[in-house]
Amino acid sequence: MVVMFSIPTLFYGNRLRPGSIKLKSDMYQGGGSIIGNTFIKGTDYRMQVNLCDDKYGNIIRCDSSGSLATSNFVGSVYYEDGIIALKSPHLF
């Protein structure tokens, strides 16, 4: 599952500035179980996920504790085209 964002040139000019991308999203975590033919609802919560670019065209999580894992990217930024592509199936 890939999600694409297109940012019009009206907002950024010639190209997006590296290091300026910041995205926030709520990731929904549903809970529950199936017993027989009945669904028993559990506790539901939302977890906020913060994403940013690493100035090299990669989208990474920037809200983790400790050092950032820059080799584990979840998307790409195409600075000249104004396109952001999230390639993680968990961040739709």
N, C-alpha and C. Protein backbone atom coordinates (compact mmCIF):
# COMPACT_ATOMS: atom_id res chain seq x y z
N MET A 1 0.85 -1.16 0.00
CA MET A 1 0.00 0.00 0.00
C MET A 1 0.90 1.23 0.00
N VAL A 2 0.70 2.10 -0.95
CA VAL A 2 1.50 3.33 -1.08
C VAL A 2 0.55 4.52 -1.05
N VAL A 3 0.92 5.55 -0.32
CA VAL A 3 0.14 6.79 -0.26
C VAL A 3 1.00 7.90 -0.85
N MET A 4 0.42 8.66 -1.78
CA MET A 4 1.14 9.74 -2.45
C MET A 4 0.54 11.08 -2.06
N PHE A 5 1.40 12.04 -1.75
CA PHE A 5 1.00 13.42 -1.50
C PHE A 5 1.66 14.28 -2.57
N SER A 6 0.88 15.13 -3.19
CA SER A 6 1.41 16.06 -4.19
C SER A 6 1.22 17.48 -3.66
N ILE A 7 2.30 18.21 -3.54
CA ILE A 7 2.27 19.57 -3.02
C ILE A 7 2.45 20.52 -4.20
N PRO A 8 1.49 21.41 -4.45
CA PRO A 8 1.59 22.33 -5.58
C PRO A 8 2.79 23.28 -5.47
N THR A 9 3.37 23.65 -6.59
CA THR A 9 4.52 24.55 -6.60
C THR A 9 4.18 25.93 -6.03
N LEU A 10 2.93 26.26 -5.95
CA LEU A 10 2.50 27.52 -5.35
C LEU A 10 3.00 27.63 -3.91
N PHE A 11 3.13 26.49 -3.21
CA PHE A 11 3.51 26.49 -1.81
C PHE A 11 5.01 26.38 -1.57
N TYR A 12 5.79 25.96 -2.56
CA TYR A 12 7.21 25.76 -2.29
C TYR A 12 8.16 26.36 -3.32
N GLY A 13 7.69 26.85 -4.43
CA GLY A 13 8.58 27.47 -5.41
C GLY A 13 9.24 26.44 -6.31
N ASN A 14 10.58 26.48 -6.45
CA ASN A 14 11.31 25.58 -7.35
C ASN A 14 11.41 24.16 -6.82
N ARG A 15 11.61 24.01 -5.53
CA ARG A 15 11.73 22.67 -4.94
C ARG A 15 11.44 22.74 -3.45
N LEU A 16 11.08 21.61 -2.86
CA LEU A 16 10.89 21.53 -1.42
C LEU A 16 12.25 21.65 -0.75
N ARG A 17 12.31 22.31 0.37
CA ARG A 17 13.56 22.46 1.11
C ARG A 17 13.87 21.17 1.87
N PRO A 18 15.03 20.57 1.66
CA PRO A 18 15.40 19.37 2.43
C PRO A 18 15.43 19.66 3.93
N GLY A 19 14.83 18.77 4.70
CA GLY A 19 14.76 18.94 6.14
C GLY A 19 13.54 19.68 6.62
N SER A 20 12.66 20.09 5.71
CA SER A 20 11.49 20.88 6.10
C SER A 20 10.20 20.05 6.17
N ILE A 21 10.24 18.77 5.83
CA ILE A 21 9.04 17.95 5.81
C ILE A 21 8.76 17.40 7.20
N LYS A 22 7.56 17.67 7.72
CA LYS A 22 7.11 17.14 9.01
C LYS A 22 5.66 16.69 8.83
N LEU A 23 5.39 15.43 9.11
CA LEU A 23 4.05 14.86 9.00
C LEU A 23 3.64 14.26 10.33
N LYS A 24 2.38 14.45 10.71
CA LYS A 24 1.84 13.84 11.93
C LYS A 24 0.59 13.08 11.55
N SER A 25 0.43 11.91 12.14
CA SER A 25 -0.74 11.09 11.85
C SER A 25 -1.10 10.28 13.08
N ASP A 26 -2.37 9.94 13.19
CA ASP A 26 -2.83 9.03 14.23
C ASP A 26 -2.96 7.65 13.62
N MET A 27 -2.28 6.68 14.23
CA MET A 27 -2.37 5.31 13.79
C MET A 27 -3.36 4.61 14.72
N TYR A 28 -4.41 4.04 14.14
CA TYR A 28 -5.48 3.45 14.93
C TYR A 28 -5.13 2.02 15.30
N GLN A 29 -5.26 1.71 16.57
CA GLN A 29 -5.01 0.36 17.05
C GLN A 29 -6.33 -0.14 17.63
N GLY A 30 -7.01 -0.98 16.88
CA GLY A 30 -8.27 -1.54 17.37
C GLY A 30 -8.00 -2.78 18.20
N GLY A 31 -8.91 -3.10 19.05
CA GLY A 31 -8.74 -4.29 19.87
C GLY A 31 -10.01 -5.11 19.89
N GLY A 32 -9.88 -6.35 20.21
CA GLY A 32 -11.04 -7.21 20.30
C GLY A 32 -10.70 -8.63 19.95
N SER A 33 -11.68 -9.48 20.08
CA SER A 33 -11.47 -10.89 19.76
C SER A 33 -12.78 -11.50 19.28
N ILE A 34 -12.68 -12.61 18.60
CA ILE A 34 -13.85 -13.32 18.12
C ILE A 34 -14.01 -14.59 18.94
N ILE A 35 -15.17 -14.72 19.56
CA ILE A 35 -15.49 -15.93 20.33
C ILE A 35 -16.73 -16.53 19.68
N GLY A 36 -16.56 -17.68 19.04
CA GLY A 36 -17.66 -18.27 18.28
C GLY A 36 -17.99 -17.41 17.09
N ASN A 37 -19.22 -16.92 17.01
CA ASN A 37 -19.63 -16.01 15.94
C ASN A 37 -19.78 -14.58 16.45
N THR A 38 -19.31 -14.29 17.66
CA THR A 38 -19.50 -12.98 18.27
C THR A 38 -18.16 -12.25 18.38
N PHE A 39 -18.17 -10.96 18.00
CA PHE A 39 -16.99 -10.12 18.15
C PHE A 39 -17.09 -9.39 19.47
N ILE A 40 -16.11 -9.54 20.33
CA ILE A 40 -16.04 -8.86 21.62
C ILE A 40 -15.09 -7.68 21.46
N LYS A 41 -15.62 -6.46 21.61
CA LYS A 41 -14.80 -5.28 21.41
C LYS A 41 -13.88 -5.08 22.60
N GLY A 42 -12.62 -4.80 22.30
CA GLY A 42 -11.62 -4.54 23.34
C GLY A 42 -11.36 -3.06 23.46
N THR A 43 -10.21 -2.70 23.98
CA THR A 43 -9.86 -1.29 24.12
C THR A 43 -9.27 -0.78 22.81
N ASP A 44 -9.73 0.37 22.40
CA ASP A 44 -9.24 1.02 21.18
C ASP A 44 -8.42 2.24 21.58
N TYR A 45 -7.38 2.51 20.85
CA TYR A 45 -6.62 3.72 21.11
C TYR A 45 -5.94 4.17 19.82
N ARG A 46 -5.51 5.40 19.83
CA ARG A 46 -4.78 5.97 18.70
C ARG A 46 -3.38 6.30 19.15
N MET A 47 -2.42 6.00 18.31
CA MET A 47 -1.02 6.29 18.60
C MET A 47 -0.55 7.32 17.58
N GLN A 48 -0.02 8.43 18.04
CA GLN A 48 0.46 9.45 17.12
C GLN A 48 1.82 9.07 16.57
N VAL A 49 1.97 9.22 15.25
CA VAL A 49 3.22 8.92 14.57
C VAL A 49 3.71 10.22 13.93
N ASN A 50 4.97 10.57 14.20
CA ASN A 50 5.58 11.76 13.62
C ASN A 50 6.64 11.33 12.61
N LEU A 51 6.52 11.86 11.40
CA LEU A 51 7.46 11.54 10.33
C LEU A 51 8.17 12.82 9.89
N CYS A 52 9.40 12.68 9.44
CA CYS A 52 10.16 13.81 8.91
C CYS A 52 11.12 13.29 7.84
N ASP A 53 11.69 14.21 7.09
CA ASP A 53 12.67 13.80 6.08
C ASP A 53 14.08 13.95 6.64
N ASP A 54 14.99 13.16 6.10
CA ASP A 54 16.37 13.15 6.59
C ASP A 54 17.32 14.00 5.73
N LYS A 55 16.78 14.87 4.90
CA LYS A 55 17.52 15.76 4.00
C LYS A 55 18.16 15.03 2.82
N TYR A 56 17.93 13.72 2.70
CA TYR A 56 18.46 12.94 1.59
C TYR A 56 17.36 12.29 0.77
N GLY A 57 16.10 12.67 1.00
CA GLY A 57 14.99 12.13 0.22
C GLY A 57 14.28 10.97 0.87
N ASN A 58 14.59 10.65 2.11
CA ASN A 58 13.93 9.54 2.81
C ASN A 58 13.02 10.08 3.90
N ILE A 59 11.88 9.44 4.10
CA ILE A 59 10.97 9.76 5.20
C ILE A 59 11.22 8.74 6.31
N ILE A 60 11.49 9.24 7.51
CA ILE A 60 11.76 8.37 8.66
C ILE A 60 10.86 8.79 9.82
N ARG A 61 10.70 7.90 10.80
CA ARG A 61 10.01 8.27 12.03
C ARG A 61 10.95 9.12 12.86
N CYS A 62 10.45 10.26 13.32
CA CYS A 62 11.33 11.15 14.08
C CYS A 62 10.83 11.36 15.50
N ASP A 63 10.02 10.45 16.02
CA ASP A 63 9.53 10.59 17.38
C ASP A 63 9.97 9.44 18.29
N SER A 64 10.93 8.67 17.85
CA SER A 64 11.38 7.55 18.65
C SER A 64 12.35 8.04 19.74
N SER A 65 12.40 7.31 20.84
CA SER A 65 13.33 7.69 21.90
C SER A 65 14.72 7.18 21.53
N GLY A 66 15.72 7.90 21.93
CA GLY A 66 17.08 7.52 21.58
C GLY A 66 17.47 8.04 20.21
N SER A 67 18.43 7.41 19.60
CA SER A 67 18.89 7.86 18.29
C SER A 67 17.93 7.40 17.18
N LEU A 68 17.86 8.17 16.10
CA LEU A 68 16.97 7.85 14.99
C LEU A 68 17.59 6.77 14.12
N ALA A 69 16.76 5.83 13.70
CA ALA A 69 17.22 4.77 12.80
C ALA A 69 17.06 5.27 11.38
N THR A 70 18.08 5.90 10.84
CA THR A 70 17.98 6.52 9.53
C THR A 70 17.98 5.51 8.40
N SER A 71 18.33 4.26 8.65
CA SER A 71 18.31 3.27 7.58
C SER A 71 16.94 2.63 7.41
N ASN A 72 16.04 2.83 8.35
CA ASN A 72 14.69 2.27 8.28
C ASN A 72 13.71 3.36 7.86
N PHE A 73 13.63 3.60 6.56
CA PHE A 73 12.75 4.66 6.11
C PHE A 73 11.41 4.10 5.66
N VAL A 74 10.36 4.93 5.80
CA VAL A 74 9.00 4.50 5.49
C VAL A 74 8.46 5.18 4.23
N GLY A 75 9.27 6.00 3.59
CA GLY A 75 8.81 6.68 2.39
C GLY A 75 9.92 7.48 1.74
N SER A 76 9.55 8.21 0.70
CA SER A 76 10.50 9.01 -0.06
C SER A 76 9.93 10.38 -0.34
N VAL A 77 10.83 11.35 -0.50
CA VAL A 77 10.46 12.71 -0.89
C VAL A 77 11.15 13.01 -2.21
N TYR A 78 10.39 13.52 -3.15
CA TYR A 78 10.95 13.98 -4.43
C TYR A 78 10.88 15.50 -4.40
N TYR A 79 11.98 16.12 -3.95
CA TYR A 79 12.01 17.55 -3.65
C TYR A 79 11.67 18.41 -4.87
N GLU A 80 12.21 18.08 -6.03
CA GLU A 80 11.99 18.91 -7.22
C GLU A 80 10.55 18.82 -7.73
N ASP A 81 9.89 17.68 -7.50
CA ASP A 81 8.54 17.46 -8.01
C ASP A 81 7.46 17.77 -6.99
N GLY A 82 7.81 17.94 -5.72
CA GLY A 82 6.83 18.20 -4.68
C GLY A 82 5.98 16.99 -4.35
N ILE A 83 6.56 15.81 -4.41
CA ILE A 83 5.82 14.57 -4.17
C ILE A 83 6.40 13.85 -2.96
N ILE A 84 5.51 13.39 -2.09
CA ILE A 84 5.88 12.58 -0.94
C ILE A 84 5.18 11.23 -1.09
N ALA A 85 5.93 10.15 -1.01
CA ALA A 85 5.37 8.79 -1.13
C ALA A 85 5.65 8.03 0.15
N LEU A 86 4.58 7.63 0.84
CA LEU A 86 4.72 6.78 2.02
C LEU A 86 4.56 5.34 1.57
N LYS A 87 5.54 4.50 1.86
CA LYS A 87 5.56 3.13 1.35
C LYS A 87 5.30 2.09 2.43
N SER A 88 4.91 2.52 3.62
CA SER A 88 4.66 1.58 4.70
C SER A 88 3.17 1.22 4.71
N PRO A 89 2.82 -0.05 4.79
CA PRO A 89 1.41 -0.44 4.80
C PRO A 89 0.70 -0.05 6.09
N HIS A 90 1.44 0.35 7.12
CA HIS A 90 0.83 0.72 8.38
C HIS A 90 0.46 2.20 8.45
N LEU A 91 0.91 3.00 7.49
CA LEU A 91 0.69 4.45 7.52
C LEU A 91 -0.20 4.91 6.36
N PHE A 92 -1.34 4.28 6.20
CA PHE A 92 -2.22 4.65 5.07
C PHE A 92 -3.02 5.89 5.39
